[in-house]
């Protein structure tokens, strides 16, 4: 089925593109979500008339997402979960858990915006991608720990590792300059 995209969709196209997609994808996702219109003559004319309004609306959404991104980017959130001695969680941390945590901290988001390749099943600091808008993506850190004290220790350990790594790199650069 050919559809006209009403917004940018990753790996599919930009707003206004006429793309061919599987019928089920169009009927079950793109059309009900308002992300596309069927590509017929009437809808092509309608889209051309509405194009400026859609672009303005998309720009407003993008600006709002950028404001949220400025406040949220590179923040660290702590999740306390029970885990075994090896660091394996009893359960996992999913996109829903992360979205709820971010919402509790005063940011507006849905779990579909959280990008996890697989659920988090170990303690430690994990970097998570968030899609606030098709053109605005940020990363946040999720610190999964058994207690608040352990979370603080993990942050300190992470800082020490970064500092020692940067010192090693500086030393190697200085040694290479000498030789």
Protein backbone atom coordinates (compact mmCIF):
# COMPACT_ATOMS: atom_id res chain seq x y z
CA UNK A 1 0.00 0.00 0.00
CA UNK A 2 1.27 3.47 -0.84
CA UNK A 3 1.02 6.08 1.93
CA UNK A 4 1.92 9.75 2.38
CA UNK A 5 3.99 10.25 5.54
CA UNK A 6 2.74 13.01 7.83
CA UNK A 7 5.92 12.99 9.93
CA UNK A 8 9.46 11.70 9.73
CA UNK A 9 9.62 7.98 10.45
CA UNK A 10 12.99 6.32 10.97
CA UNK A 11 14.02 3.93 8.19
CA UNK A 12 10.94 4.87 6.16
CA UNK A 13 11.11 8.49 5.05
CA UNK A 14 10.54 12.20 5.64
CA UNK A 15 7.28 14.11 5.95
CA UNK A 16 5.54 14.27 2.59
CA UNK A 17 7.28 11.24 1.10
CA UNK A 18 5.09 8.73 -0.69
CA UNK A 19 6.33 5.30 0.33
CA UNK A 20 5.15 1.77 -0.22
CA UNK A 21 4.60 -0.26 2.96
CA UNK A 22 2.97 -3.56 3.81
CA UNK A 23 -0.80 -3.33 4.13
CA UNK A 24 -0.83 -4.52 7.76
CA UNK A 25 1.79 -1.95 8.81
CA UNK A 26 -0.27 0.83 7.24
CA UNK A 27 -3.64 -0.35 8.57
CA UNK A 28 -2.51 -1.29 12.07
CA UNK A 29 0.10 1.37 12.83
CA UNK A 30 0.63 4.26 10.43
CA UNK A 31 -2.98 5.16 9.66
CA UNK A 32 -4.50 4.78 13.18
CA UNK A 33 -1.60 6.69 14.78
CA UNK A 34 -2.03 9.57 12.32
CA UNK A 35 1.46 9.14 10.94
CA UNK A 36 0.35 8.62 7.34
CA UNK A 37 -2.51 8.94 4.84
CA UNK A 38 -3.42 6.59 2.02
CA UNK A 39 -1.79 7.84 -1.19
CA UNK A 40 -4.80 8.66 -3.38
CA UNK A 41 -5.51 11.84 -5.35
CA UNK A 42 -7.85 13.33 -2.72
CA UNK A 43 -5.33 12.78 0.10
CA UNK A 44 -2.46 14.15 -2.03
CA UNK A 45 -4.42 17.39 -2.55
CA UNK A 46 -5.38 17.48 1.15
CA UNK A 47 -1.75 16.98 2.15
CA UNK A 48 -0.52 19.80 -0.08
CA UNK A 49 -3.11 22.15 1.47
CA UNK A 50 -2.22 21.05 5.02
CA UNK A 51 1.56 20.79 4.48
CA UNK A 52 2.44 24.17 6.03
CA UNK A 53 0.29 23.52 9.09
CA UNK A 54 1.83 20.06 9.51
CA UNK A 55 5.35 21.48 9.19
CA UNK A 56 4.60 24.17 11.80
CA UNK A 57 3.09 21.57 14.14
CA UNK A 58 6.12 19.30 13.63
CA UNK A 59 8.46 22.22 14.36
CA UNK A 60 6.56 23.02 17.58
CA UNK A 61 6.83 19.38 18.70
CA UNK A 62 10.54 19.36 17.84
CA UNK A 63 11.18 22.57 19.83
CA UNK A 64 9.30 21.14 22.81
CA UNK A 65 11.34 17.92 22.57
CA UNK A 66 14.58 19.93 22.42
CA UNK A 67 13.63 21.79 25.62
CA UNK A 68 13.01 18.47 27.36
CA UNK A 69 16.28 17.14 25.91
CA UNK A 70 18.26 20.05 27.37
CA UNK A 71 16.96 19.22 30.85
CA UNK A 72 17.12 15.44 30.53
CA UNK A 73 20.27 14.74 28.49
CA UNK A 74 23.07 12.88 30.32
CA UNK A 75 21.09 12.73 33.59
CA UNK A 76 21.44 9.71 35.84
CA UNK A 77 18.44 8.01 37.42
CA UNK A 78 18.67 5.41 40.19
CA UNK A 79 16.56 2.26 40.29
CA UNK A 80 16.73 0.12 43.44
CA UNK A 81 16.13 -3.59 42.80
CA UNK A 82 16.93 -6.80 44.63
CA UNK A 83 19.72 -8.86 43.12
CA UNK A 84 21.87 -11.86 43.84
CA UNK A 85 25.49 -11.75 44.95
CA UNK A 86 26.69 -12.02 41.35
CA UNK A 87 24.76 -8.87 40.38
CA UNK A 88 21.96 -10.64 38.52
CA UNK A 89 18.59 -8.99 39.16
CA UNK A 90 15.61 -10.97 40.38
CA UNK A 91 13.56 -9.87 37.40
CA UNK A 92 14.56 -7.09 35.03
CA UNK A 93 14.26 -3.38 34.33
CA UNK A 94 12.07 -2.77 31.27
CA UNK A 95 11.11 0.23 29.15
CA UNK A 96 7.98 0.68 31.28
CA UNK A 97 10.06 0.91 34.48
CA UNK A 98 12.37 3.50 32.95
CA UNK A 99 9.48 5.57 31.53
CA UNK A 100 7.70 5.54 34.91
CA UNK A 101 10.90 6.66 36.65
CA UNK A 102 11.37 9.56 34.24
CA UNK A 103 7.70 10.58 34.58
CA UNK A 104 8.04 10.53 38.39
CA UNK A 105 10.91 13.01 37.99
CA UNK A 106 8.66 15.47 36.17
CA UNK A 107 9.27 14.72 32.49
CA UNK A 108 6.57 13.80 29.97
CA UNK A 109 7.23 10.59 28.04
CA UNK A 110 5.84 7.24 26.97
CA UNK A 111 7.47 3.84 27.21
CA UNK A 112 7.63 3.65 23.40
CA UNK A 113 10.19 6.46 23.46
CA UNK A 114 12.63 4.40 25.56
CA UNK A 115 14.98 2.35 23.36
CA UNK A 116 16.27 -0.84 24.98
CA UNK A 117 17.76 -3.68 22.94
CA UNK A 118 16.89 -6.05 25.75
CA UNK A 119 15.74 -5.61 29.37
CA UNK A 120 18.39 -4.74 31.94
CA UNK A 121 19.17 -7.81 34.07
CA UNK A 122 22.32 -6.78 35.95
CA UNK A 123 23.24 -4.10 38.46
CA UNK A 124 25.44 -1.25 37.29
CA UNK A 125 25.24 1.92 35.22
CA UNK A 126 23.55 1.48 31.85
CA UNK A 127 23.23 4.07 29.05
CA UNK A 128 19.75 4.23 27.52
CA UNK A 129 18.61 6.01 24.34
CA UNK A 130 15.42 8.08 24.43
CA UNK A 131 13.57 9.20 21.27
CA UNK A 132 11.79 12.40 22.24
CA UNK A 133 10.97 13.24 18.60
CA UNK A 134 11.95 11.57 15.32
CA UNK A 135 14.72 14.18 15.02
CA UNK A 136 15.65 14.50 18.75
CA UNK A 137 17.40 11.61 20.46
CA UNK A 138 19.20 11.74 23.81
CA UNK A 139 20.93 9.34 26.17
CA UNK A 140 20.46 8.98 29.90
CA UNK A 141 22.15 6.81 32.49
CA UNK A 142 20.22 4.31 34.59
CA UNK A 143 22.02 3.26 37.77
CA UNK A 144 20.58 -0.09 38.87
CA UNK A 145 21.63 -0.96 42.43
CA UNK A 146 20.52 -2.96 45.48
CA UNK A 147 20.56 0.09 47.76
CA UNK A 148 21.14 3.86 47.67
CA UNK A 149 24.62 3.35 49.20
CA UNK A 150 25.54 0.90 46.46
CA UNK A 151 24.32 3.37 43.83
CA UNK A 152 26.63 6.04 45.28
CA UNK A 153 29.55 3.59 45.23
CA UNK A 154 28.84 2.73 41.59
CA UNK A 155 28.88 6.41 40.62
CA UNK A 156 32.18 6.94 42.45
CA UNK A 157 33.70 3.84 40.84
CA UNK A 158 32.55 4.98 37.39
CA UNK A 159 34.16 8.40 37.95
CA UNK A 160 37.42 6.78 39.09
CA UNK A 161 37.49 4.55 36.01
CA UNK A 162 36.94 7.53 33.71
CA UNK A 163 39.64 9.56 35.46
CA UNK A 164 42.19 6.75 35.43
CA UNK A 165 41.44 6.00 31.77
CA UNK A 166 41.95 9.63 30.79
CA UNK A 167 45.20 9.75 32.80
CA UNK A 168 46.49 6.63 31.04
CA UNK A 169 45.64 8.13 27.65
CA UNK A 170 47.45 11.38 28.56
CA UNK A 171 50.54 9.45 29.68
CA UNK A 172 50.59 7.43 26.49
CA UNK A 173 50.28 10.61 24.41
CA UNK A 174 53.13 12.24 26.35
CA UNK A 175 55.32 9.13 25.92
CA UNK A 176 54.62 9.04 22.19
CA UNK A 177 55.60 12.73 21.90
CA UNK A 178 58.89 12.07 23.69
CA UNK A 179 59.78 9.23 21.33
